[in-house]
Amino acid sequence: MGRKKLTDEEKAIRKAERETKKNIESSGDIEEKKRRLLEKVKEMEKKVKVEDKKIEEIKKEKVKEKTGKEEISKESKLNSAETLVPLEMYIKAGSYIGIKVITPDMRKYVYRRRNDGIAIINTNLIDEKLKEAIRFINNYKPEDWILVCKREAGWRAAKLFSELTGVRVFTKKYPAGITTNITLPNFFETEMIFICDPWLDKNALNDALNVKKKIVSIVDTNNLTKGVNVVIPANNKGNKSLGLILWILAREYMKARGIGKELPSVEEFIGEKLEELPLREKKKEKAKEEEKKKDEAKIESIMKIDDKKE
């Protein structure tokens, strides 16, 4: 059988059908392409989010690392050979000047004696023991310890220390039994007591020993260290020495506890300029040397007269 011959109209209809089919297929391809493109976009968005998250984590790690390094640097200063203040500040404040009396407990901290018999405390040991005290004190919250200073020379510095740190301070008089006798109306408990002189602040020292609490003390050459857990060897009789030591302690404690108050100058703790003492000391030393030379000259002249008589 022969193939049926299509009319022109049928040919046109079939042609239109083919074109329609082709258009439908092509439109289907476009939709498929769109779908695939959307999927790729979504995948890219996911990757971008993942990358952003990684970048954010890296940033956080860097911030954490930086903060950690800052904390380590603070701690390393207390452990390193770097001094808390230049050693000459201890000299200017007279922190190194003891008295003529040296107890057996304090011999290891004494560097030498001056010509007038006054003991000189090793400034390196002052700084070293101050670092030890700072590490120890920083473990206590402000409400967990008290500072006692009966000596008037330290009242100004003690008051400023309390205002800055929130630590309770007793000056002038410490009521004996206030931390041990529960029947007293003003009784309270404390974990650690800081005293400025084991002799003058003996009531506070005895209370701490009775209830077995930790004790930190500034100790001069004439003091005993019995019962003291952390010793700070230094002059505990002068306002400059006490002011400098409490200023350093306040500075380091505020750093460690994150107290954001502004630290006053060391002069404000002392109540006068730090530079004045060395000038006075030099004048005293010079006067003593001149007096010694005069005495030697007198002795020589007497000896010459005696030689002539002979």
C-alpha atoms as a PDB file:
ATOM      1  CA  MET A   1       0.000   0.000   0.000  1.00  0.00           C
ATOM      2  CA  GLY A   2       1.165   3.425  -0.753  1.00  0.00           C
ATOM      3  CA  ARG A   3       1.552   6.144   1.863  1.00  0.00           C
ATOM      4  CA  LYS A   4      -1.426   8.480   2.113  1.00  0.00           C
ATOM      5  CA  LYS A   5      -0.680  11.839   0.659  1.00  0.00           C
ATOM      6  CA  LEU A   6      -1.233  14.659   3.121  1.00  0.00           C
ATOM      7  CA  THR A   7      -3.051  17.718   2.164  1.00  0.00           C
ATOM      8  CA  ASP A   8      -1.523  21.120   2.666  1.00  0.00           C
ATOM      9  CA  GLU A   9      -3.802  21.764   5.651  1.00  0.00           C
ATOM     10  CA  GLU A  10      -2.766  18.521   7.374  1.00  0.00           C
ATOM     11  CA  LYS A  11       0.896  19.338   6.752  1.00  0.00           C
ATOM     12  CA  ALA A  12       0.424  22.738   8.333  1.00  0.00           C
ATOM     13  CA  ILE A  13      -1.351  21.197  11.371  1.00  0.00           C
ATOM     14  CA  ARG A  14       1.411  18.602  11.888  1.00  0.00           C
ATOM     15  CA  LYS A  15       4.079  21.265  11.531  1.00  0.00           C
ATOM     16  CA  ALA A  16       2.299  23.363  14.137  1.00  0.00           C
ATOM     17  CA  GLU A  17       2.118  20.335  16.457  1.00  0.00           C
ATOM     18  CA  ARG A  18       5.855  19.643  16.092  1.00  0.00           C
ATOM     19  CA  GLU A  19       6.712  23.260  16.827  1.00  0.00           C
ATOM     20  CA  THR A  20       4.402  23.288  19.836  1.00  0.00           C
ATOM     21  CA  LYS A  21       5.995  20.073  21.148  1.00  0.00           C
ATOM     22  CA  LYS A  22       9.446  21.518  20.571  1.00  0.00           C
ATOM     23  CA  ASN A  23       8.517  24.695  22.435  1.00  0.00           C
ATOM     24  CA  ILE A  24       7.108  22.686  25.326  1.00  0.00           C
ATOM     25  CA  GLU A  25      10.275  20.592  25.514  1.00  0.00           C
ATOM     26  CA  SER A  26      12.500  23.668  25.321  1.00  0.00           C
ATOM     27  CA  SER A  27      10.456  25.412  28.004  1.00  0.00           C
ATOM     28  CA  GLY A  28      10.868  22.305  30.146  1.00  0.00           C
ATOM     29  CA  ASP A  29      14.651  22.543  29.702  1.00  0.00           C
ATOM     30  CA  ILE A  30      14.622  26.160  30.863  1.00  0.00           C
ATOM     31  CA  GLU A  31      12.646  25.253  33.941  1.00  0.00           C
ATOM     32  CA  GLU A  32      15.089  22.446  34.652  1.00  0.00           C
ATOM     33  CA  LYS A  33      17.986  24.837  34.230  1.00  0.00           C
ATOM     34  CA  LYS A  34      16.319  27.303  36.564  1.00  0.00           C
ATOM     35  CA  ARG A  35      15.782  24.577  39.132  1.00  0.00           C
ATOM     36  CA  ARG A  36      19.422  23.491  38.893  1.00  0.00           C
ATOM     37  CA  LEU A  37      20.632  27.096  39.170  1.00  0.00           C
ATOM     38  CA  LEU A  38      18.508  27.633  42.265  1.00  0.00           C
ATOM     39  CA  GLU A  39      19.952  24.492  43.820  1.00  0.00           C
ATOM     40  CA  LYS A  40      23.487  25.727  43.078  1.00  0.00           C
ATOM     41  CA  VAL A  41      22.669  29.129  44.596  1.00  0.00           C
ATOM     42  CA  LYS A  42      21.353  27.441  47.731  1.00  0.00           C
ATOM     43  CA  GLU A  43      24.483  25.288  47.942  1.00  0.00           C
ATOM     44  CA  MET A  44      26.659  28.413  47.575  1.00  0.00           C
ATOM     45  CA  GLU A  45      24.664  30.181  50.287  1.00  0.00           C
ATOM     46  CA  LYS A  46      25.190  27.227  52.608  1.00  0.00           C
ATOM     47  CA  LYS A  47      28.927  27.278  51.896  1.00  0.00           C
ATOM     48  CA  VAL A  48      29.077  31.035  52.518  1.00  0.00           C
ATOM     49  CA  LYS A  49      27.264  30.585  55.836  1.00  0.00           C
ATOM     50  CA  VAL A  50      29.677  27.825  56.832  1.00  0.00           C
ATOM     51  CA  GLU A  51      32.650  30.012  55.874  1.00  0.00           C
ATOM     52  CA  ASP A  52      31.193  32.990  57.773  1.00  0.00           C
ATOM     53  CA  LYS A  53      30.726  30.780  60.813  1.00  0.00           C
ATOM     54  CA  LYS A  54      34.333  29.573  60.555  1.00  0.00           C
ATOM     55  CA  ILE A  55      35.583  33.167  60.233  1.00  0.00           C
ATOM     56  CA  GLU A  56      33.525  34.197  63.276  1.00  0.00           C
ATOM     57  CA  GLU A  57      34.925  31.284  65.285  1.00  0.00           C
ATOM     58  CA  ILE A  58      38.458  32.202  64.246  1.00  0.00           C
ATOM     59  CA  LYS A  59      37.838  35.803  65.326  1.00  0.00           C
ATOM     60  CA  LYS A  60      36.489  34.640  68.689  1.00  0.00           C
ATOM     61  CA  GLU A  61      39.493  32.370  69.161  1.00  0.00           C
ATOM     62  CA  LYS A  62      41.835  35.249  68.378  1.00  0.00           C
ATOM     63  CA  VAL A  63      40.038  37.522  70.851  1.00  0.00           C
ATOM     64  CA  LYS A  64      40.139  34.746  73.457  1.00  0.00           C
ATOM     65  CA  GLU A  65      43.810  34.114  72.754  1.00  0.00           C
ATOM     66  CA  LYS A  66      44.584  37.841  73.015  1.00  0.00           C
ATOM     67  CA  THR A  67      42.677  38.128  76.296  1.00  0.00           C
ATOM     68  CA  GLY A  68      44.421  35.033  77.570  1.00  0.00           C
ATOM     69  CA  LYS A  69      47.795  36.488  76.645  1.00  0.00           C
ATOM     70  CA  GLU A  70      46.927  39.705  78.478  1.00  0.00           C
ATOM     71  CA  GLU A  71      46.013  37.718  81.581  1.00  0.00           C
ATOM     72  CA  ILE A  72      49.179  35.662  81.251  1.00  0.00           C
ATOM     73  CA  SER A  73      51.244  38.837  80.869  1.00  0.00           C
ATOM     74  CA  LYS A  74      49.732  40.202  84.083  1.00  0.00           C
ATOM     75  CA  GLU A  75      50.542  36.977  85.914  1.00  0.00           C
ATOM     76  CA  SER A  76      53.963  36.646  84.282  1.00  0.00           C
ATOM     77  CA  LYS A  77      54.885  40.086  85.603  1.00  0.00           C
ATOM     78  CA  LEU A  78      54.362  38.727  89.085  1.00  0.00           C
ATOM     79  CA  ASN A  79      56.476  35.656  88.258  1.00  0.00           C
ATOM     80  CA  SER A  80      59.159  37.284  86.125  1.00  0.00           C
ATOM     81  CA  ALA A  81      62.309  39.165  87.020  1.00  0.00           C
ATOM     82  CA  GLU A  82      60.533  42.426  86.162  1.00  0.00           C
ATOM     83  CA  THR A  83      59.958  44.472  89.304  1.00  0.00           C
ATOM     84  CA  LEU A  84      56.543  45.812  90.332  1.00  0.00           C
ATOM     85  CA  VAL A  85      57.983  49.327  90.417  1.00  0.00           C
ATOM     86  CA  PRO A  86      61.519  50.591  89.705  1.00  0.00           C
ATOM     87  CA  LEU A  87      63.699  49.625  92.680  1.00  0.00           C
ATOM     88  CA  GLU A  88      64.591  53.265  93.223  1.00  0.00           C
ATOM     89  CA  MET A  89      60.968  53.885  94.259  1.00  0.00           C
ATOM     90  CA  TYR A  90      61.507  51.619  97.277  1.00  0.00           C
ATOM     91  CA  ILE A  91      64.601  53.679  98.043  1.00  0.00           C
ATOM     92  CA  LYS A  92      62.791  57.014  97.599  1.00  0.00           C
ATOM     93  CA  ALA A  93      59.991  55.821  99.865  1.00  0.00           C
ATOM     94  CA  GLY A  94      62.463  54.579 102.470  1.00  0.00           C
ATOM     95  CA  SER A  95      60.964  51.090 102.313  1.00  0.00           C
ATOM     96  CA  TYR A  96      64.456  49.621 102.616  1.00  0.00           C
ATOM     97  CA  ILE A  97      65.283  51.414 105.895  1.00  0.00           C
ATOM     98  CA  GLY A  98      64.866  49.258 108.972  1.00  0.00           C
ATOM     99  CA  ILE A  99      65.992  50.095 112.517  1.00  0.00           C
ATOM    100  CA  LYS A 100      69.027  49.147 114.590  1.00  0.00           C
ATOM    101  CA  VAL A 101      67.296  46.115 116.088  1.00  0.00           C
ATOM    102  CA  ILE A 102      67.308  42.994 113.891  1.00  0.00           C
ATOM    103  CA  THR A 103      65.372  39.950 115.074  1.00  0.00           C
ATOM    104  CA  PRO A 104      66.541  36.430 114.122  1.00  0.00           C
ATOM    105  CA  ASP A 105      63.452  36.121 111.874  1.00  0.00           C
ATOM    106  CA  MET A 106      64.481  39.154 109.818  1.00  0.00           C
ATOM    107  CA  ARG A 107      68.233  38.576 109.395  1.00  0.00           C
ATOM    108  CA  LYS A 108      67.768  36.870 106.015  1.00  0.00           C
ATOM    109  CA  TYR A 109      66.137  40.010 104.592  1.00  0.00           C
ATOM    110  CA  VAL A 110      68.832  42.453 105.779  1.00  0.00           C
ATOM    111  CA  TYR A 111      71.431  43.436 103.193  1.00  0.00           C
ATOM    112  CA  ARG A 112      73.806  45.358 105.495  1.00  0.00           C
ATOM    113  CA  ARG A 113      74.033  47.907 108.284  1.00  0.00           C
ATOM    114  CA  ARG A 114      74.708  51.604 107.735  1.00  0.00           C
ATOM    115  CA  ASN A 115      77.481  53.397 109.607  1.00  0.00           C
ATOM    116  CA  ASP A 116      74.948  54.482 112.238  1.00  0.00           C
ATOM    117  CA  GLY A 117      73.841  50.864 112.782  1.00  0.00           C
ATOM    118  CA  ILE A 118      70.539  51.157 110.900  1.00  0.00           C
ATOM    119  CA  ALA A 119      69.611  47.916 109.077  1.00  0.00           C
ATOM    120  CA  ILE A 120      69.168  48.082 105.302  1.00  0.00           C
ATOM    121  CA  ILE A 121      66.579  45.685 103.839  1.00  0.00           C
ATOM    122  CA  ASN A 122      67.338  44.126 100.447  1.00  0.00           C
ATOM    123  CA  THR A 123      65.115  45.954  97.904  1.00  0.00           C
ATOM    124  CA  ASN A 124      65.019  42.908  95.601  1.00  0.00           C
ATOM    125  CA  LEU A 125      63.582  40.853  98.448  1.00  0.00           C
ATOM    126  CA  ILE A 126      60.999  43.568  99.179  1.00  0.00           C
ATOM    127  CA  ASP A 127      59.786  43.332  95.576  1.00  0.00           C
ATOM    128  CA  GLU A 128      59.954  39.532  95.496  1.00  0.00           C
ATOM    129  CA  LYS A 129      57.938  39.120  98.701  1.00  0.00           C
ATOM    130  CA  LEU A 130      55.439  41.757  97.559  1.00  0.00           C
ATOM    131  CA  LYS A 131      54.788  39.677  94.430  1.00  0.00           C
ATOM    132  CA  GLU A 132      54.211  36.627  96.628  1.00  0.00           C
ATOM    133  CA  ALA A 133      51.779  38.602  98.790  1.00  0.00           C
ATOM    134  CA  ILE A 134      49.904  39.880  95.727  1.00  0.00           C
ATOM    135  CA  ARG A 135      49.466  36.360  94.330  1.00  0.00           C
ATOM    136  CA  PHE A 136      48.166  35.267  97.732  1.00  0.00           C
ATOM    137  CA  ILE A 137      45.802  38.228  98.334  1.00  0.00           C
ATOM    138  CA  ASN A 138      44.331  38.122  94.810  1.00  0.00           C
ATOM    139  CA  ASN A 139      42.647  34.801  95.683  1.00  0.00           C
ATOM    140  CA  TYR A 140      40.374  36.520  98.203  1.00  0.00           C
ATOM    141  CA  LYS A 141      37.234  38.544  97.463  1.00  0.00           C
ATOM    142  CA  PRO A 142      37.042  42.027  99.069  1.00  0.00           C
ATOM    143  CA  GLU A 143      34.465  40.817 101.593  1.00  0.00           C
ATOM    144  CA  ASP A 144      36.656  37.855 102.635  1.00  0.00           C
ATOM    145  CA  TRP A 145      39.533  39.786 104.217  1.00  0.00           C
ATOM    146  CA  ILE A 146      40.350  42.879 106.255  1.00  0.00           C
ATOM    147  CA  LEU A 147      43.253  45.312 106.526  1.00  0.00           C
ATOM    148  CA  VAL A 148      44.413  46.504 109.945  1.00  0.00           C
ATOM    149  CA  CYS A 149      46.712  49.509 110.443  1.00  0.00           C
ATOM    150  CA  LYS A 150      46.980  50.978 113.936  1.00  0.00           C
ATOM    151  CA  ARG A 151      49.986  53.151 113.026  1.00  0.00           C
ATOM    152  CA  GLU A 152      48.898  56.678 112.125  1.00  0.00           C
ATOM    153  CA  ALA A 153      51.479  56.934 109.328  1.00  0.00           C
ATOM    154  CA  GLY A 154      49.432  54.409 107.307  1.00  0.00           C
ATOM    155  CA  TRP A 155      45.907  55.712 107.924  1.00  0.00           C
ATOM    156  CA  ARG A 156      45.688  57.813 104.772  1.00  0.00           C
ATOM    157  CA  ALA A 157      46.871  54.964 102.521  1.00  0.00           C
ATOM    158  CA  ALA A 158      44.650  52.410 104.299  1.00  0.00           C
ATOM    159  CA  LYS A 159      41.560  54.589 103.829  1.00  0.00           C
ATOM    160  CA  LEU A 160      42.270  55.052 100.107  1.00  0.00           C
ATOM    161  CA  PHE A 161      42.927  51.328  99.759  1.00  0.00           C
ATOM    162  CA  SER A 162      39.514  50.567 101.275  1.00  0.00           C
ATOM    163  CA  GLU A 163      37.712  53.092  99.037  1.00  0.00           C
ATOM    164  CA  LEU A 164      39.271  51.598  95.901  1.00  0.00           C
ATOM    165  CA  THR A 165      39.025  47.884  96.669  1.00  0.00           C
ATOM    166  CA  GLY A 166      36.004  47.601  98.970  1.00  0.00           C
ATOM    167  CA  VAL A 167      38.116  45.797 101.583  1.00  0.00           C
ATOM    168  CA  ARG A 168      37.137  46.551 105.186  1.00  0.00           C
ATOM    169  CA  VAL A 169      39.827  48.531 107.023  1.00  0.00           C
ATOM    170  CA  PHE A 170      40.503  49.071 110.726  1.00  0.00           C
ATOM    171  CA  THR A 171      42.659  52.054 111.713  1.00  0.00           C
ATOM    172  CA  LYS A 172      43.298  53.685 115.114  1.00  0.00           C
ATOM    173  CA  LYS A 173      41.786  50.763 117.035  1.00  0.00           C
ATOM    174  CA  TYR A 174      41.009  47.154 116.264  1.00  0.00           C
ATOM    175  CA  PRO A 175      38.451  45.730 118.735  1.00  0.00           C
ATOM    176  CA  ALA A 176      39.969  42.524 120.090  1.00  0.00           C
ATOM    177  CA  GLY A 177      37.719  39.501 119.602  1.00  0.00           C
ATOM    178  CA  ILE A 178      35.649  41.074 116.828  1.00  0.00           C
ATOM    179  CA  THR A 179      36.367  38.077 114.569  1.00  0.00           C
ATOM    180  CA  THR A 180      36.451  35.407 117.295  1.00  0.00           C
ATOM    181  CA  ASN A 181      33.811  36.240 119.923  1.00  0.00           C
ATOM    182  CA  ILE A 182      30.368  35.482 118.527  1.00  0.00           C
ATOM    183  CA  THR A 183      28.688  37.179 121.515  1.00  0.00           C
ATOM    184  CA  LEU A 184      29.972  40.610 120.461  1.00  0.00           C
ATOM    185  CA  PRO A 185      27.331  42.723 118.654  1.00  0.00           C
ATOM    186  CA  ASN A 186      29.791  43.723 115.927  1.00  0.00           C
ATOM    187  CA  PHE A 187      31.187  40.193 115.424  1.00  0.00           C
ATOM    188  CA  PHE A 188      31.922  39.117 111.853  1.00  0.00           C
ATOM    189  CA  GLU A 189      33.873  36.330 110.136  1.00  0.00           C
ATOM    190  CA  THR A 190      36.825  36.790 107.813  1.00  0.00           C
ATOM    191  CA  GLU A 191      39.088  34.432 105.886  1.00  0.00           C
ATOM    192  CA  MET A 192      42.305  36.465 105.926  1.00  0.00           C
ATOM    193  CA  ILE A 193      43.785  39.396 107.856  1.00  0.00           C
ATOM    194  CA  PHE A 194      46.385  41.838 106.507  1.00  0.00           C
ATOM    195  CA  ILE A 195      48.311  43.700 109.208  1.00  0.00           C
ATOM    196  CA  CYS A 196      50.842  46.507 108.851  1.00  0.00           C
ATOM    197  CA  ASP A 197      52.840  45.750 112.023  1.00  0.00           C
ATOM    198  CA  PRO A 198      52.838  42.449 113.976  1.00  0.00           C
ATOM    199  CA  TRP A 199      53.523  44.342 117.225  1.00  0.00           C
ATOM    200  CA  LEU A 200      51.092  47.274 116.984  1.00  0.00           C
ATOM    201  CA  ASP A 201      48.401  45.119 115.333  1.00  0.00           C
ATOM    202  CA  LYS A 202      48.911  42.219 117.760  1.00  0.00           C
ATOM    203  CA  ASN A 203      45.182  42.058 118.666  1.00  0.00           C
ATOM    204  CA  ALA A 204      44.303  41.328 115.043  1.00  0.00           C
ATOM    205  CA  LEU A 205      47.229  38.912 114.788  1.00  0.00           C
ATOM    206  CA  ASN A 206      46.115  37.002 117.889  1.00  0.00           C
ATOM    207  CA  ASP A 207      42.506  36.837 116.674  1.00  0.00           C
ATOM    208  CA  ALA A 208      43.640  35.378 113.360  1.00  0.00           C
ATOM    209  CA  LEU A 209      45.840  32.819 115.135  1.00  0.00           C
ATOM    210  CA  ASN A 210      43.008  31.827 117.487  1.00  0.00           C
ATOM    211  CA  VAL A 211      40.634  31.003 114.622  1.00  0.00           C
ATOM    212  CA  LYS A 212      43.424  29.731 112.357  1.00  0.00           C
ATOM    213  CA  LYS A 213      42.975  32.331 109.611  1.00  0.00           C
ATOM    214  CA  LYS A 214      45.667  33.331 107.126  1.00  0.00           C
ATOM    215  CA  ILE A 215      47.853  36.346 107.917  1.00  0.00           C
ATOM    216  CA  VAL A 216      49.789  38.676 105.624  1.00  0.00           C
ATOM    217  CA  SER A 217      51.979  41.316 107.238  1.00  0.00           C
ATOM    218  CA  ILE A 218      54.432  44.104 106.489  1.00  0.00           C
ATOM    219  CA  VAL A 219      57.339  43.218 108.765  1.00  0.00           C
ATOM    220  CA  ASP A 220      60.199  45.516 109.842  1.00  0.00           C
ATOM    221  CA  THR A 221      63.622  44.406 111.089  1.00  0.00           C
ATOM    222  CA  ASN A 222      62.530  44.590 114.754  1.00  0.00           C
ATOM    223  CA  ASN A 223      59.461  42.371 114.255  1.00  0.00           C
ATOM    224  CA  LEU A 224      58.914  38.649 114.748  1.00  0.00           C
ATOM    225  CA  THR A 225      57.212  36.666 111.985  1.00  0.00           C
ATOM    226  CA  LYS A 226      55.659  33.921 114.125  1.00  0.00           C
ATOM    227  CA  GLY A 227      52.199  33.049 112.804  1.00  0.00           C
ATOM    228  CA  VAL A 228      52.542  35.195 109.668  1.00  0.00           C
ATOM    229  CA  ASN A 229      51.858  33.199 106.476  1.00  0.00           C
ATOM    230  CA  VAL A 230      53.190  35.774 104.009  1.00  0.00           C
ATOM    231  CA  VAL A 231      55.886  38.251 105.046  1.00  0.00           C
ATOM    232  CA  ILE A 232      56.503  41.573 103.285  1.00  0.00           C
ATOM    233  CA  PRO A 233      59.878  42.776 104.636  1.00  0.00           C
ATOM    234  CA  ALA A 234      59.832  46.578 104.649  1.00  0.00           C
ATOM    235  CA  ASN A 235      59.809  49.726 106.729  1.00  0.00           C
ATOM    236  CA  ASN A 236      56.366  49.721 108.403  1.00  0.00           C
ATOM    237  CA  LYS A 237      56.820  52.948 110.340  1.00  0.00           C
ATOM    238  CA  GLY A 238      56.962  55.652 107.645  1.00  0.00           C
ATOM    239  CA  ASN A 239      54.039  57.092 105.697  1.00  0.00           C
ATOM    240  CA  LYS A 240      55.990  56.916 102.418  1.00  0.00           C
ATOM    241  CA  SER A 241      56.884  53.264 102.754  1.00  0.00           C
ATOM    242  CA  LEU A 242      53.391  52.228 103.892  1.00  0.00           C
ATOM    243  CA  GLY A 243      51.818  54.424 101.199  1.00  0.00           C
ATOM    244  CA  LEU A 244      53.914  52.934  98.401  1.00  0.00           C
ATOM    245  CA  ILE A 245      53.296  49.331  99.471  1.00  0.00           C
ATOM    246  CA  LEU A 246      49.523  49.803  99.820  1.00  0.00           C
ATOM    247  CA  TRP A 247      49.441  51.673  96.498  1.00  0.00           C
ATOM    248  CA  ILE A 248      51.142  48.727  94.734  1.00  0.00           C
ATOM    249  CA  LEU A 249      48.807  46.240  96.455  1.00  0.00           C
ATOM    250  CA  ALA A 250      45.748  48.310  95.483  1.00  0.00           C
ATOM    251  CA  ARG A 251      46.891  48.565  91.853  1.00  0.00           C
ATOM    252  CA  GLU A 252      47.498  44.842  91.466  1.00  0.00           C
ATOM    253  CA  TYR A 253      44.362  43.810  93.397  1.00  0.00           C
ATOM    254  CA  MET A 254      42.162  46.082  91.263  1.00  0.00           C
ATOM    255  CA  LYS A 255      43.650  44.563  88.095  1.00  0.00           C
ATOM    256  CA  ALA A 256      43.134  41.006  89.325  1.00  0.00           C
ATOM    257  CA  ARG A 257      39.549  41.563  90.520  1.00  0.00           C
ATOM    258  CA  GLY A 258      38.513  43.668  87.511  1.00  0.00           C
ATOM    259  CA  ILE A 259      37.771  46.806  89.566  1.00  0.00           C
ATOM    260  CA  GLY A 260      37.438  49.629  87.049  1.00  0.00           C
ATOM    261  CA  LYS A 261      38.055  52.577  89.365  1.00  0.00           C
ATOM    262  CA  GLU A 262      40.749  55.139  88.601  1.00  0.00           C
ATOM    263  CA  LEU A 263      43.893  54.557  90.652  1.00  0.00           C
ATOM    264  CA  PRO A 264      45.167  57.741  92.364  1.00  0.00           C
ATOM    265  CA  SER A 265      48.860  58.620  92.185  1.00  0.00           C
ATOM    266  CA  VAL A 266      51.273  57.177  94.719  1.00  0.00           C
ATOM    267  CA  GLU A 267      51.707  60.714  96.107  1.00  0.00           C
ATOM    268  CA  GLU A 268      47.998  60.754  97.053  1.00  0.00           C
ATOM    269  CA  PHE A 269      48.482  57.544  99.020  1.00  0.00           C
ATOM    270  CA  ILE A 270      51.536  58.991 100.757  1.00  0.00           C
ATOM    271  CA  GLY A 271      50.277  62.540 101.275  1.00  0.00           C
ATOM    272  CA  GLU A 272      53.445  64.191  99.984  1.00  0.00           C
ATOM    273  CA  LYS A 273      55.967  64.026  97.166  1.00  0.00           C
ATOM    274  CA  LEU A 274      58.005  60.849  96.939  1.00  0.00           C
ATOM    275  CA  GLU A 275      61.244  62.654  96.045  1.00  0.00           C
ATOM    276  CA  GLU A 276      61.668  64.502  99.338  1.00  0.00           C
ATOM    277  CA  LEU A 277      62.956  61.641 101.502  1.00  0.00           C
ATOM    278  CA  PRO A 278      66.168  60.820  99.593  1.00  0.00           C
ATOM    279  CA  LEU A 279      67.296  64.450  99.861  1.00  0.00           C
ATOM    280  CA  ARG A 280      66.800  64.386 103.621  1.00  0.00           C
ATOM    281  CA  GLU A 281      68.536  61.035 103.866  1.00  0.00           C
ATOM    282  CA  LYS A 282      71.486  62.304 101.825  1.00  0.00           C
ATOM    283  CA  LYS A 283      71.769  65.361 104.069  1.00  0.00           C
ATOM    284  CA  LYS A 284      71.704  63.151 107.153  1.00  0.00           C
ATOM    285  CA  GLU A 285      74.324  60.833 105.661  1.00  0.00           C
ATOM    286  CA  LYS A 286      76.486  63.815 104.685  1.00  0.00           C
ATOM    287  CA  ALA A 287      76.183  65.356 108.168  1.00  0.00           C
ATOM    288  CA  LYS A 288      77.127  62.058 109.794  1.00  0.00           C
ATOM    289  CA  GLU A 289      80.125  61.640 107.487  1.00  0.00           C
ATOM    290  CA  GLU A 290      81.286  65.184 108.261  1.00  0.00           C
ATOM    291  CA  GLU A 291      80.849  64.565 111.989  1.00  0.00           C
ATOM    292  CA  LYS A 292      82.846  61.361 111.668  1.00  0.00           C
ATOM    293  CA  LYS A 293      85.646  63.189 109.847  1.00  0.00           C
ATOM    294  CA  LYS A 294      85.717  65.869 112.552  1.00  0.00           C
ATOM    295  CA  ASP A 295      86.007  63.191 115.237  1.00  0.00           C
ATOM    296  CA  GLU A 296      88.830  61.516 113.320  1.00  0.00           C
ATOM    297  CA  ALA A 297      90.586  64.869 112.932  1.00  0.00           C
ATOM    298  CA  LYS A 298      90.285  65.550 116.683  1.00  0.00           C
ATOM    299  CA  ILE A 299      91.683  62.120 117.487  1.00  0.00           C
ATOM    300  CA  GLU A 300      94.617  62.683 115.105  1.00  0.00           C
ATOM    301  CA  SER A 301      95.381  66.094 116.598  1.00  0.00           C
ATOM    302  CA  ILE A 302      95.319  64.670 120.151  1.00  0.00           C
ATOM    303  CA  MET A 303      97.640  61.859 119.065  1.00  0.00           C
ATOM    304  CA  LYS A 304     100.070  64.378 117.522  1.00  0.00           C
ATOM    305  CA  ILE A 305     100.132  66.414 120.734  1.00  0.00           C
ATOM    306  CA  ASP A 306     100.835  63.261 122.732  1.00  0.00           C
ATOM    307  CA  ASP A 307     103.660  62.328 120.326  1.00  0.00           C
ATOM    308  CA  LYS A 308     105.263  65.754 120.783  1.00  0.00           C
ATOM    309  CA  LYS A 309     105.088  65.473 124.582  1.00  0.00           C
ATOM    310  CA  GLU A 310     106.840  62.153 124.411  1.00  0.00           C
END
